[in-house]
Amino acid sequence: MKDTMYKHSISVLAFAAAAWTASAGELPPDTPLVTGKHGSVKAIDFEAAMQKIPETYRAPIRMSQDKISTMVDGLFVAKSFSGRAREAGMDKDPLVQERLRQAQDQILADLYLRKLETDAKIPPLEQRAREIYNADAKKFTLPEQVRAQQILVTYAQRTPEMALARAKELEAQVRKPGQDFLALAKEFSEDPARRRNGGELGYNDPTSFEPEIVEWLKTAKDANTVSPPIQTRHGYHIVKFIDRQPPRRAPFEQVKAKIIEGERAEIIKKIRDDAINAERNDPAVVIHAANVEALRIEVDADLLTRTQQGAPLKTPGTLQPPVALPK
């Protein structure tokens, strides 16, 4: 595809994705990505935006053309409207200029805190992880696990009575000598997960099942016990109890990484907190309390009530950790 100037909707990025062939993943800083009348996006804009994303998520984003296109789209829209704002002289307002400086301050402050984290000499934590593991056996105990299989008859295009009648028919087949439960499940179960698991639910925390099934599982003692049809919000279930594993302690190797990550997060948090507190408590800092108090207005009970009934009040200017993307 020829390198073109996008003069129409940025949504064309989605369609151009298949033909966008930047092989190395990174481009020279001034490489144009989108150009428009009021704003343009260059490669350096994309790279700067990537810096706001936790490092763990950057590579997966760069592997997805959809995610890249979405980011470039957002940058283009922001650039275009900021360009329009400048054309309208909105950036000349003293308060707007101060807000821009505050945004710059927040970025630099965050970079400084991240540098403190990066420069911190965190010792090896495996021994500490083992101490934590040995000190609290209950914390690392896995709950009881129950293995079960199921056939589900849903209410789709049936009354509850019809679903129960169908479930009883399948129950009768299941109880025939030599009958293969999973073969019937693969053929007749209406569980959406049937194609993936063939009716085999594997080992699960029993409380993860529907409450009605949980109650029946409590009574199941012998392997291969089959339930009568159990009614839940999904339909009627015929459940086969296979096995029960009692609560057991997770092996150290299974939980080691999680413990170490938790300890590392605590150390990083302390580094940040110590740095922030040191700055606040610096002897050179002077709080002009009277001036700060002069910012307060008189209490308006009606206004407070309306505010409390709406969205919660957010106070700007508080340093926060970098925002992580959803998993």
C-alpha atoms as a PDB file:
ATOM      1  CA  MET A   1       0.000   0.000   0.000  1.00  0.00           C
ATOM      2  CA  LYS A   2       1.280   3.449  -0.916  1.00  0.00           C
ATOM      3  CA  ASP A   3       1.972   5.767   2.026  1.00  0.00           C
ATOM      4  CA  THR A   4      -1.051   8.070   1.872  1.00  0.00           C
ATOM      5  CA  MET A   5      -2.439  10.995   3.818  1.00  0.00           C
ATOM      6  CA  TYR A   6      -5.595   9.960   5.601  1.00  0.00           C
ATOM      7  CA  LYS A   7      -8.128  12.688   4.799  1.00  0.00           C
ATOM      8  CA  HIS A   8     -11.185  10.709   5.815  1.00  0.00           C
ATOM      9  CA  SER A   9     -12.208   8.908   8.993  1.00  0.00           C
ATOM     10  CA  ILE A  10      -9.394   7.417  11.019  1.00  0.00           C
ATOM     11  CA  SER A  11     -11.443   4.213  11.064  1.00  0.00           C
ATOM     12  CA  VAL A  12      -9.700   3.273   7.827  1.00  0.00           C
ATOM     13  CA  LEU A  13      -6.763   2.283  10.023  1.00  0.00           C
ATOM     14  CA  ALA A  14      -8.553  -0.941  10.837  1.00  0.00           C
ATOM     15  CA  PHE A  15      -8.866  -1.800   7.170  1.00  0.00           C
ATOM     16  CA  ALA A  16      -5.309  -0.736   6.387  1.00  0.00           C
ATOM     17  CA  ALA A  17      -3.902  -2.953   9.136  1.00  0.00           C
ATOM     18  CA  ALA A  18      -3.274  -5.901   6.849  1.00  0.00           C
ATOM     19  CA  ALA A  19      -1.197  -3.750   4.524  1.00  0.00           C
ATOM     20  CA  TRP A  20       0.739  -1.827   7.171  1.00  0.00           C
ATOM     21  CA  THR A  21       4.202  -3.345   6.990  1.00  0.00           C
ATOM     22  CA  ALA A  22       6.606  -1.808   9.477  1.00  0.00           C
ATOM     23  CA  SER A  23       8.861  -4.822   9.837  1.00  0.00           C
ATOM     24  CA  ALA A  24      11.003  -3.894  12.837  1.00  0.00           C
ATOM     25  CA  GLY A  25       8.205  -2.613  15.072  1.00  0.00           C
ATOM     26  CA  GLU A  26       9.917   0.768  15.515  1.00  0.00           C
ATOM     27  CA  LEU A  27      10.233   3.601  13.007  1.00  0.00           C
ATOM     28  CA  PRO A  28      12.312   6.798  12.767  1.00  0.00           C
ATOM     29  CA  PRO A  29      10.782   9.397  15.130  1.00  0.00           C
ATOM     30  CA  ASP A  30       9.447  11.700  12.402  1.00  0.00           C
ATOM     31  CA  THR A  31       7.779   8.928  10.396  1.00  0.00           C
ATOM     32  CA  PRO A  32       4.171  10.030   9.729  1.00  0.00           C
ATOM     33  CA  LEU A  33       1.429   7.672  10.854  1.00  0.00           C
ATOM     34  CA  VAL A  34      -1.603   9.885  10.275  1.00  0.00           C
ATOM     35  CA  THR A  35      -1.707  13.422   8.920  1.00  0.00           C
ATOM     36  CA  GLY A  36      -4.652  15.776   9.067  1.00  0.00           C
ATOM     37  CA  LYS A  37      -5.575  19.430   8.833  1.00  0.00           C
ATOM     38  CA  HIS A  38      -5.587  20.092  12.577  1.00  0.00           C
ATOM     39  CA  GLY A  39      -3.199  17.462  13.878  1.00  0.00           C
ATOM     40  CA  SER A  40      -0.841  14.709  12.833  1.00  0.00           C
ATOM     41  CA  VAL A  41       0.610  11.640  14.482  1.00  0.00           C
ATOM     42  CA  LYS A  42       4.228  10.600  14.096  1.00  0.00           C
ATOM     43  CA  ALA A  43       6.048   7.504  15.250  1.00  0.00           C
ATOM     44  CA  ILE A  44       7.489   9.378  18.231  1.00  0.00           C
ATOM     45  CA  ASP A  45       3.951  10.180  19.389  1.00  0.00           C
ATOM     46  CA  PHE A  46       3.145   6.489  19.442  1.00  0.00           C
ATOM     47  CA  GLU A  47       6.373   5.648  21.283  1.00  0.00           C
ATOM     48  CA  ALA A  48       5.667   8.328  23.890  1.00  0.00           C
ATOM     49  CA  ALA A  49       2.158   6.971  24.422  1.00  0.00           C
ATOM     50  CA  MET A  50       3.590   3.481  24.878  1.00  0.00           C
ATOM     51  CA  GLN A  51       5.662   4.778  27.792  1.00  0.00           C
ATOM     52  CA  LYS A  52       2.446   5.353  29.754  1.00  0.00           C
ATOM     53  CA  ILE A  53       1.669   1.636  29.553  1.00  0.00           C
ATOM     54  CA  PRO A  54       3.237  -0.779  32.057  1.00  0.00           C
ATOM     55  CA  GLU A  55       6.182  -2.529  30.449  1.00  0.00           C
ATOM     56  CA  THR A  56       4.584  -5.951  30.866  1.00  0.00           C
ATOM     57  CA  TYR A  57       1.829  -5.019  28.407  1.00  0.00           C
ATOM     58  CA  ARG A  58       3.874  -3.214  25.764  1.00  0.00           C
ATOM     59  CA  ALA A  59       5.017  -6.212  23.735  1.00  0.00           C
ATOM     60  CA  PRO A  60       1.516  -7.774  23.551  1.00  0.00           C
ATOM     61  CA  ILE A  61       0.151  -4.446  22.305  1.00  0.00           C
ATOM     62  CA  ARG A  62       2.828  -4.251  19.611  1.00  0.00           C
ATOM     63  CA  MET A  63       1.879  -7.761  18.510  1.00  0.00           C
ATOM     64  CA  SER A  64      -1.713  -6.676  17.833  1.00  0.00           C
ATOM     65  CA  GLN A  65      -2.436  -4.506  14.818  1.00  0.00           C
ATOM     66  CA  ASP A  66      -5.911  -3.780  16.204  1.00  0.00           C
ATOM     67  CA  LYS A  67      -4.453  -2.412  19.454  1.00  0.00           C
ATOM     68  CA  ILE A  68      -1.843  -0.378  17.587  1.00  0.00           C
ATOM     69  CA  SER A  69      -4.511   1.075  15.304  1.00  0.00           C
ATOM     70  CA  THR A  70      -6.716   1.912  18.286  1.00  0.00           C
ATOM     71  CA  MET A  71      -3.853   3.758  19.981  1.00  0.00           C
ATOM     72  CA  VAL A  72      -2.953   5.677  16.826  1.00  0.00           C
ATOM     73  CA  ASP A  73      -6.627   6.544  16.361  1.00  0.00           C
ATOM     74  CA  GLY A  74      -6.835   7.935  19.903  1.00  0.00           C
ATOM     75  CA  LEU A  75      -3.662   9.947  19.416  1.00  0.00           C
ATOM     76  CA  PHE A  76      -4.964  11.392  16.160  1.00  0.00           C
ATOM     77  CA  VAL A  77      -8.261  12.488  17.689  1.00  0.00           C
ATOM     78  CA  ALA A  78      -6.468  14.080  20.657  1.00  0.00           C
ATOM     79  CA  LYS A  79      -3.949  15.814  18.381  1.00  0.00           C
ATOM     80  CA  SER A  80      -6.696  17.113  16.105  1.00  0.00           C
ATOM     81  CA  PHE A  81      -8.809  18.566  18.895  1.00  0.00           C
ATOM     82  CA  SER A  82      -5.785  20.031  20.678  1.00  0.00           C
ATOM     83  CA  GLY A  83      -4.851  21.630  17.354  1.00  0.00           C
ATOM     84  CA  ARG A  84      -8.323  23.126  17.088  1.00  0.00           C
ATOM     85  CA  ALA A  85      -8.036  24.367  20.686  1.00  0.00           C
ATOM     86  CA  ARG A  86      -4.747  26.121  19.898  1.00  0.00           C
ATOM     87  CA  GLU A  87      -6.246  27.661  16.755  1.00  0.00           C
ATOM     88  CA  ALA A  88      -9.023  29.018  18.967  1.00  0.00           C
ATOM     89  CA  GLY A  89      -6.446  30.478  21.369  1.00  0.00           C
ATOM     90  CA  MET A  90      -7.587  28.305  24.249  1.00  0.00           C
ATOM     91  CA  ASP A  91      -3.985  27.525  25.192  1.00  0.00           C
ATOM     92  CA  LYS A  92      -3.398  31.210  26.013  1.00  0.00           C
ATOM     93  CA  ASP A  93      -5.629  31.097  29.079  1.00  0.00           C
ATOM     94  CA  PRO A  94      -3.359  31.320  32.189  1.00  0.00           C
ATOM     95  CA  LEU A  95      -5.261  28.521  33.936  1.00  0.00           C
ATOM     96  CA  VAL A  96      -4.946  26.295  30.881  1.00  0.00           C
ATOM     97  CA  GLN A  97      -1.224  27.012  30.719  1.00  0.00           C
ATOM     98  CA  GLU A  98      -0.902  26.052  34.383  1.00  0.00           C
ATOM     99  CA  ARG A  99      -2.851  22.827  33.770  1.00  0.00           C
ATOM    100  CA  LEU A 100      -0.434  21.996  30.962  1.00  0.00           C
ATOM    101  CA  ARG A 101       2.498  22.612  33.306  1.00  0.00           C
ATOM    102  CA  GLN A 102       0.850  20.406  35.949  1.00  0.00           C
ATOM    103  CA  ALA A 103       0.478  17.603  33.419  1.00  0.00           C
ATOM    104  CA  GLN A 104       4.174  17.977  32.629  1.00  0.00           C
ATOM    105  CA  ASP A 105       5.018  17.973  36.348  1.00  0.00           C
ATOM    106  CA  GLN A 106       3.031  14.782  36.890  1.00  0.00           C
ATOM    107  CA  ILE A 107       4.847  13.020  34.049  1.00  0.00           C
ATOM    108  CA  LEU A 108       8.262  14.063  35.361  1.00  0.00           C
ATOM    109  CA  ALA A 109       7.366  13.137  38.948  1.00  0.00           C
ATOM    110  CA  ASP A 110       6.205   9.727  37.821  1.00  0.00           C
ATOM    111  CA  LEU A 111       9.386   9.205  35.807  1.00  0.00           C
ATOM    112  CA  TYR A 112      11.477  10.146  38.837  1.00  0.00           C
ATOM    113  CA  LEU A 113       9.648   7.661  41.084  1.00  0.00           C
ATOM    114  CA  ARG A 114      10.032   4.956  38.468  1.00  0.00           C
ATOM    115  CA  LYS A 115      13.756   5.682  38.327  1.00  0.00           C
ATOM    116  CA  LEU A 116      13.970   5.234  42.100  1.00  0.00           C
ATOM    117  CA  GLU A 117      12.289   1.858  41.681  1.00  0.00           C
ATOM    118  CA  THR A 118      14.598   0.854  38.827  1.00  0.00           C
ATOM    119  CA  ASP A 119      17.729   1.945  40.695  1.00  0.00           C
ATOM    120  CA  ALA A 120      16.717   0.163  43.895  1.00  0.00           C
ATOM    121  CA  LYS A 121      18.922  -2.797  44.720  1.00  0.00           C
ATOM    122  CA  ILE A 122      16.321  -5.406  45.618  1.00  0.00           C
ATOM    123  CA  PRO A 123      18.022  -8.429  47.184  1.00  0.00           C
ATOM    124  CA  PRO A 124      17.234 -12.012  46.132  1.00  0.00           C
ATOM    125  CA  LEU A 125      13.862 -12.845  47.650  1.00  0.00           C
ATOM    126  CA  GLU A 126      13.642 -16.633  47.411  1.00  0.00           C
ATOM    127  CA  GLN A 127      14.832 -17.177  50.988  1.00  0.00           C
ATOM    128  CA  ARG A 128      12.358 -14.574  52.229  1.00  0.00           C
ATOM    129  CA  ALA A 129       9.620 -16.284  50.223  1.00  0.00           C
ATOM    130  CA  ARG A 130      10.447 -19.605  51.849  1.00  0.00           C
ATOM    131  CA  GLU A 131      10.294 -17.997  55.311  1.00  0.00           C
ATOM    132  CA  ILE A 132       6.842 -16.611  54.537  1.00  0.00           C
ATOM    133  CA  TYR A 133       5.737 -19.976  53.181  1.00  0.00           C
ATOM    134  CA  ASN A 134       6.931 -21.838  56.278  1.00  0.00           C
ATOM    135  CA  ALA A 135       5.468 -19.287  58.690  1.00  0.00           C
ATOM    136  CA  ASP A 136       1.863 -19.555  57.513  1.00  0.00           C
ATOM    137  CA  ALA A 137       0.819 -23.011  56.392  1.00  0.00           C
ATOM    138  CA  LYS A 138      -2.883 -22.110  56.329  1.00  0.00           C
ATOM    139  CA  LYS A 139      -2.347 -19.231  53.906  1.00  0.00           C
ATOM    140  CA  PHE A 140      -0.960 -21.568  51.267  1.00  0.00           C
ATOM    141  CA  THR A 141      -3.437 -24.406  51.746  1.00  0.00           C
ATOM    142  CA  LEU A 142      -5.401 -25.349  48.647  1.00  0.00           C
ATOM    143  CA  PRO A 143      -9.111 -25.934  49.268  1.00  0.00           C
ATOM    144  CA  GLU A 144     -10.832 -29.262  48.829  1.00  0.00           C
ATOM    145  CA  GLN A 145     -11.100 -30.296  45.190  1.00  0.00           C
ATOM    146  CA  VAL A 146     -13.914 -32.349  43.701  1.00  0.00           C
ATOM    147  CA  ARG A 147     -13.806 -34.051  40.317  1.00  0.00           C
ATOM    148  CA  ALA A 148     -17.148 -34.410  38.574  1.00  0.00           C
ATOM    149  CA  GLN A 149     -18.778 -34.942  35.192  1.00  0.00           C
ATOM    150  CA  GLN A 150     -22.121 -33.630  34.050  1.00  0.00           C
ATOM    151  CA  ILE A 151     -24.914 -33.742  31.502  1.00  0.00           C
ATOM    152  CA  LEU A 152     -27.009 -30.587  31.274  1.00  0.00           C
ATOM    153  CA  VAL A 153     -30.536 -30.251  29.928  1.00  0.00           C
ATOM    154  CA  THR A 154     -31.355 -26.560  29.475  1.00  0.00           C
ATOM    155  CA  TYR A 155     -34.675 -24.747  29.386  1.00  0.00           C
ATOM    156  CA  ALA A 156     -34.104 -23.706  25.760  1.00  0.00           C
ATOM    157  CA  GLN A 157     -37.425 -24.125  23.920  1.00  0.00           C
ATOM    158  CA  ARG A 158     -38.750 -26.183  26.855  1.00  0.00           C
ATOM    159  CA  THR A 159     -40.887 -25.654  29.908  1.00  0.00           C
ATOM    160  CA  PRO A 160     -39.274 -26.704  33.206  1.00  0.00           C
ATOM    161  CA  GLU A 161     -41.500 -29.786  33.146  1.00  0.00           C
ATOM    162  CA  MET A 162     -40.288 -30.737  29.683  1.00  0.00           C
ATOM    163  CA  ALA A 163     -36.657 -30.208  30.719  1.00  0.00           C
ATOM    164  CA  LEU A 164     -37.141 -32.436  33.774  1.00  0.00           C
ATOM    165  CA  ALA A 165     -38.746 -35.174  31.678  1.00  0.00           C
ATOM    166  CA  ARG A 166     -35.820 -35.097  29.250  1.00  0.00           C
ATOM    167  CA  ALA A 167     -33.323 -35.166  32.136  1.00  0.00           C
ATOM    168  CA  LYS A 168     -35.037 -38.229  33.605  1.00  0.00           C
ATOM    169  CA  GLU A 169     -34.776 -39.997  30.243  1.00  0.00           C
ATOM    170  CA  LEU A 170     -31.032 -39.341  30.160  1.00  0.00           C
ATOM    171  CA  GLU A 171     -30.658 -40.364  33.799  1.00  0.00           C
ATOM    172  CA  ALA A 172     -32.265 -43.717  32.976  1.00  0.00           C
ATOM    173  CA  GLN A 173     -29.761 -44.229  30.158  1.00  0.00           C
ATOM    174  CA  VAL A 174     -26.844 -43.260  32.401  1.00  0.00           C
ATOM    175  CA  ARG A 175     -27.845 -45.828  35.007  1.00  0.00           C
ATOM    176  CA  LYS A 176     -27.874 -48.734  32.556  1.00  0.00           C
ATOM    177  CA  PRO A 177     -25.047 -51.218  33.299  1.00  0.00           C
ATOM    178  CA  GLY A 178     -21.880 -50.522  31.327  1.00  0.00           C
ATOM    179  CA  GLN A 179     -23.116 -47.167  30.043  1.00  0.00           C
ATOM    180  CA  ASP A 180     -20.383 -44.609  29.267  1.00  0.00           C
ATOM    181  CA  PHE A 181     -21.359 -41.357  31.016  1.00  0.00           C
ATOM    182  CA  LEU A 182     -19.012 -39.142  28.995  1.00  0.00           C
ATOM    183  CA  ALA A 183     -20.158 -40.685  25.708  1.00  0.00           C
ATOM    184  CA  LEU A 184     -23.714 -39.669  26.581  1.00  0.00           C
ATOM    185  CA  ALA A 185     -22.514 -36.238  27.711  1.00  0.00           C
ATOM    186  CA  LYS A 186     -20.712 -35.636  24.412  1.00  0.00           C
ATOM    187  CA  GLU A 187     -23.827 -36.595  22.478  1.00  0.00           C
ATOM    188  CA  PHE A 188     -26.661 -35.140  24.550  1.00  0.00           C
ATOM    189  CA  SER A 189     -25.399 -32.543  27.047  1.00  0.00           C
ATOM    190  CA  GLU A 190     -26.448 -28.976  26.261  1.00  0.00           C
ATOM    191  CA  ASP A 191     -23.687 -27.401  28.323  1.00  0.00           C
ATOM    192  CA  PRO A 192     -22.014 -24.726  26.105  1.00  0.00           C
ATOM    193  CA  ALA A 193     -18.634 -26.035  27.321  1.00  0.00           C
ATOM    194  CA  ARG A 194     -19.419 -29.587  26.173  1.00  0.00           C
ATOM    195  CA  ARG A 195     -17.479 -29.257  22.930  1.00  0.00           C
ATOM    196  CA  ARG A 196     -14.415 -28.249  24.896  1.00  0.00           C
ATOM    197  CA  ASN A 197     -14.611 -30.611  27.857  1.00  0.00           C
ATOM    198  CA  GLY A 198     -16.959 -33.381  26.698  1.00  0.00           C
ATOM    199  CA  GLY A 199     -18.762 -33.278  30.047  1.00  0.00           C
ATOM    200  CA  GLU A 200     -15.566 -33.733  32.089  1.00  0.00           C
ATOM    201  CA  LEU A 201     -15.417 -30.897  34.610  1.00  0.00           C
ATOM    202  CA  GLY A 202     -12.107 -31.957  36.169  1.00  0.00           C
ATOM    203  CA  TYR A 203     -11.079 -30.973  39.690  1.00  0.00           C
ATOM    204  CA  ASN A 204     -12.670 -27.822  41.081  1.00  0.00           C
ATOM    205  CA  ASP A 205     -13.357 -26.110  44.373  1.00  0.00           C
ATOM    206  CA  PRO A 206     -16.821 -27.529  45.133  1.00  0.00           C
ATOM    207  CA  THR A 207     -18.101 -24.073  46.051  1.00  0.00           C
ATOM    208  CA  SER A 208     -17.552 -23.005  42.429  1.00  0.00           C
ATOM    209  CA  PHE A 209     -20.576 -25.053  41.344  1.00  0.00           C
ATOM    210  CA  GLU A 210     -24.190 -23.928  41.469  1.00  0.00           C
ATOM    211  CA  PRO A 211     -25.508 -23.999  45.077  1.00  0.00           C
ATOM    212  CA  GLU A 212     -27.875 -26.902  44.356  1.00  0.00           C
ATOM    213  CA  ILE A 213     -24.997 -28.988  42.995  1.00  0.00           C
ATOM    214  CA  VAL A 214     -22.800 -28.022  45.952  1.00  0.00           C
ATOM    215  CA  GLU A 215     -25.423 -29.441  48.322  1.00  0.00           C
ATOM    216  CA  TRP A 216     -25.592 -32.727  46.418  1.00  0.00           C
ATOM    217  CA  LEU A 217     -21.798 -33.048  46.238  1.00  0.00           C
ATOM    218  CA  LYS A 218     -21.661 -32.840  50.029  1.00  0.00           C
ATOM    219  CA  THR A 219     -23.611 -36.104  50.175  1.00  0.00           C
ATOM    220  CA  ALA A 220     -21.589 -37.932  47.512  1.00  0.00           C
ATOM    221  CA  LYS A 221     -19.196 -40.389  49.139  1.00  0.00           C
ATOM    222  CA  ASP A 222     -18.570 -43.216  46.679  1.00  0.00           C
ATOM    223  CA  ALA A 223     -16.795 -42.806  43.350  1.00  0.00           C
ATOM    224  CA  ASN A 224     -19.043 -42.936  40.263  1.00  0.00           C
ATOM    225  CA  THR A 225     -22.168 -41.954  42.210  1.00  0.00           C
ATOM    226  CA  VAL A 226     -24.721 -40.405  39.835  1.00  0.00           C
ATOM    227  CA  SER A 227     -27.165 -37.740  40.972  1.00  0.00           C
ATOM    228  CA  PRO A 228     -30.842 -37.512  40.133  1.00  0.00           C
ATOM    229  CA  PRO A 229     -31.667 -34.474  37.957  1.00  0.00           C
ATOM    230  CA  ILE A 230     -30.635 -31.364  39.914  1.00  0.00           C
ATOM    231  CA  GLN A 231     -32.485 -28.175  39.023  1.00  0.00           C
ATOM    232  CA  THR A 232     -30.521 -24.903  38.805  1.00  0.00           C
ATOM    233  CA  ARG A 233     -31.032 -21.619  36.989  1.00  0.00           C
ATOM    234  CA  HIS A 234     -29.404 -23.224  33.917  1.00  0.00           C
ATOM    235  CA  GLY A 235     -31.630 -26.280  33.689  1.00  0.00           C
ATOM    236  CA  TYR A 236     -31.381 -29.832  35.007  1.00  0.00           C
ATOM    237  CA  HIS A 237     -27.971 -31.357  35.694  1.00  0.00           C
ATOM    238  CA  ILE A 238     -27.101 -35.029  35.963  1.00  0.00           C
ATOM    239  CA  VAL A 239     -23.831 -35.057  37.890  1.00  0.00           C
ATOM    240  CA  LYS A 240     -21.404 -37.935  38.285  1.00  0.00           C
ATOM    241  CA  PHE A 241     -19.114 -37.723  41.306  1.00  0.00           C
ATOM    242  CA  ILE A 242     -15.650 -39.117  40.530  1.00  0.00           C
ATOM    243  CA  ASP A 243     -13.228 -38.193  43.281  1.00  0.00           C
ATOM    244  CA  ARG A 244     -12.542 -35.849  46.184  1.00  0.00           C
ATOM    245  CA  GLN A 245      -9.153 -34.441  47.188  1.00  0.00           C
ATOM    246  CA  PRO A 246      -8.940 -33.089  50.753  1.00  0.00           C
ATOM    247  CA  PRO A 247      -7.417 -29.665  51.446  1.00  0.00           C
ATOM    248  CA  ARG A 248      -3.664 -29.774  50.998  1.00  0.00           C
ATOM    249  CA  ARG A 249      -0.751 -27.427  51.222  1.00  0.00           C
ATOM    250  CA  ALA A 250       0.428 -26.048  47.897  1.00  0.00           C
ATOM    251  CA  PRO A 251       4.043 -27.004  47.066  1.00  0.00           C
ATOM    252  CA  PHE A 252       6.487 -24.148  47.581  1.00  0.00           C
ATOM    253  CA  GLU A 253       7.490 -24.139  43.908  1.00  0.00           C
ATOM    254  CA  GLN A 254       3.860 -23.619  42.947  1.00  0.00           C
ATOM    255  CA  VAL A 255       3.482 -20.432  45.016  1.00  0.00           C
ATOM    256  CA  LYS A 256       7.079 -19.146  45.079  1.00  0.00           C
ATOM    257  CA  ALA A 257       6.717 -16.714  42.178  1.00  0.00           C
ATOM    258  CA  LYS A 258       3.554 -15.196  43.634  1.00  0.00           C
ATOM    259  CA  ILE A 259       5.158 -14.729  47.067  1.00  0.00           C
ATOM    260  CA  ILE A 260       8.259 -13.127  45.547  1.00  0.00           C
ATOM    261  CA  GLU A 261       6.158 -10.792  43.421  1.00  0.00           C
ATOM    262  CA  GLY A 262       4.168  -9.769  46.495  1.00  0.00           C
ATOM    263  CA  GLU A 263       7.339  -9.051  48.457  1.00  0.00           C
ATOM    264  CA  ARG A 264       8.820  -7.124  45.552  1.00  0.00           C
ATOM    265  CA  ALA A 265       5.645  -5.023  45.298  1.00  0.00           C
ATOM    266  CA  GLU A 266       5.883  -4.241  49.025  1.00  0.00           C
ATOM    267  CA  ILE A 267       9.500  -3.121  48.645  1.00  0.00           C
ATOM    268  CA  ILE A 268       8.633  -0.930  45.659  1.00  0.00           C
ATOM    269  CA  LYS A 269       5.700   0.588  47.551  1.00  0.00           C
ATOM    270  CA  LYS A 270       7.964   1.398  50.504  1.00  0.00           C
ATOM    271  CA  ILE A 271      10.500   3.043  48.191  1.00  0.00           C
ATOM    272  CA  ARG A 272       7.769   5.260  46.745  1.00  0.00           C
ATOM    273  CA  ASP A 273       6.216   6.021  50.131  1.00  0.00           C
ATOM    274  CA  ASP A 274       9.588   6.844  51.696  1.00  0.00           C
ATOM    275  CA  ALA A 275      10.469   9.180  48.828  1.00  0.00           C
ATOM    276  CA  ILE A 276       7.116  10.984  49.022  1.00  0.00           C
ATOM    277  CA  ASN A 277       7.271  11.309  52.810  1.00  0.00           C
ATOM    278  CA  ALA A 278      10.871  12.536  52.676  1.00  0.00           C
ATOM    279  CA  GLU A 279       9.833  15.255  50.254  1.00  0.00           C
ATOM    280  CA  ARG A 280       6.885  16.300  52.402  1.00  0.00           C
ATOM    281  CA  ASN A 281       8.989  16.335  55.581  1.00  0.00           C
ATOM    282  CA  ASP A 282      11.988  18.161  54.137  1.00  0.00           C
ATOM    283  CA  PRO A 283      12.949  20.936  56.626  1.00  0.00           C
ATOM    284  CA  ALA A 284      13.072  23.391  53.733  1.00  0.00           C
ATOM    285  CA  VAL A 285       9.365  22.887  53.040  1.00  0.00           C
ATOM    286  CA  VAL A 286       7.140  25.683  54.351  1.00  0.00           C
ATOM    287  CA  ILE A 287       3.375  25.189  54.429  1.00  0.00           C
ATOM    288  CA  HIS A 288       1.608  28.536  54.327  1.00  0.00           C
ATOM    289  CA  ALA A 289      -1.375  27.244  56.264  1.00  0.00           C
ATOM    290  CA  ALA A 290      -3.323  30.498  56.301  1.00  0.00           C
ATOM    291  CA  ASN A 291      -3.099  30.763  52.533  1.00  0.00           C
ATOM    292  CA  VAL A 292      -4.151  27.137  52.088  1.00  0.00           C
ATOM    293  CA  GLU A 293      -7.106  27.660  54.432  1.00  0.00           C
ATOM    294  CA  ALA A 294      -8.101  30.771  52.491  1.00  0.00           C
ATOM    295  CA  LEU A 295      -8.912  28.532  49.509  1.00  0.00           C
ATOM    296  CA  ARG A 296     -11.891  27.047  51.356  1.00  0.00           C
ATOM    297  CA  ILE A 297     -15.376  28.419  50.671  1.00  0.00           C
ATOM    298  CA  GLU A 298     -18.337  28.472  53.036  1.00  0.00           C
ATOM    299  CA  VAL A 299     -20.202  25.207  53.486  1.00  0.00           C
ATOM    300  CA  ASP A 300     -23.307  24.880  51.287  1.00  0.00           C
ATOM    301  CA  ALA A 301     -25.295  21.949  52.712  1.00  0.00           C
ATOM    302  CA  ASP A 302     -27.555  21.667  49.660  1.00  0.00           C
ATOM    303  CA  LEU A 303     -24.600  21.592  47.282  1.00  0.00           C
ATOM    304  CA  LEU A 304     -22.839  18.965  49.399  1.00  0.00           C
ATOM    305  CA  THR A 305     -25.963  16.802  49.374  1.00  0.00           C
ATOM    306  CA  ARG A 306     -26.257  17.022  45.600  1.00  0.00           C
ATOM    307  CA  THR A 307     -22.570  16.198  45.201  1.00  0.00           C
ATOM    308  CA  GLN A 308     -22.810  13.186  47.504  1.00  0.00           C
ATOM    309  CA  GLN A 309     -25.775  11.858  45.532  1.00  0.00           C
ATOM    310  CA  GLY A 310     -23.825  12.110  42.299  1.00  0.00           C
ATOM    311  CA  ALA A 311     -20.335  10.979  41.355  1.00  0.00           C
ATOM    312  CA  PRO A 312     -17.720  10.923  44.132  1.00  0.00           C
ATOM    313  CA  LEU A 313     -15.508  13.975  44.362  1.00  0.00           C
ATOM    314  CA  LYS A 314     -11.995  13.372  43.039  1.00  0.00           C
ATOM    315  CA  THR A 315      -9.167  15.565  44.270  1.00  0.00           C
ATOM    316  CA  PRO A 316      -6.510  16.235  41.606  1.00  0.00           C
ATOM    317  CA  GLY A 317      -2.833  16.516  42.321  1.00  0.00           C
ATOM    318  CA  THR A 318      -2.323  13.348  44.363  1.00  0.00           C
ATOM    319  CA  LEU A 319       0.550  11.189  43.200  1.00  0.00           C
ATOM    320  CA  GLN A 320      -0.714   7.806  42.130  1.00  0.00           C
ATOM    321  CA  PRO A 321       1.059   4.649  40.935  1.00  0.00           C
ATOM    322  CA  PRO A 322       1.077   4.101  37.159  1.00  0.00           C
ATOM    323  CA  VAL A 323      -2.279   2.819  35.964  1.00  0.00           C
ATOM    324  CA  ALA A 324      -2.164  -0.813  34.833  1.00  0.00           C
ATOM    325  CA  LEU A 325      -4.156  -2.098  31.882  1.00  0.00           C
ATOM    326  CA  PRO A 326      -6.930  -4.665  32.523  1.00  0.00           C
ATOM    327  CA  LYS A 327      -5.727  -8.314  32.421  1.00  0.00           C
END
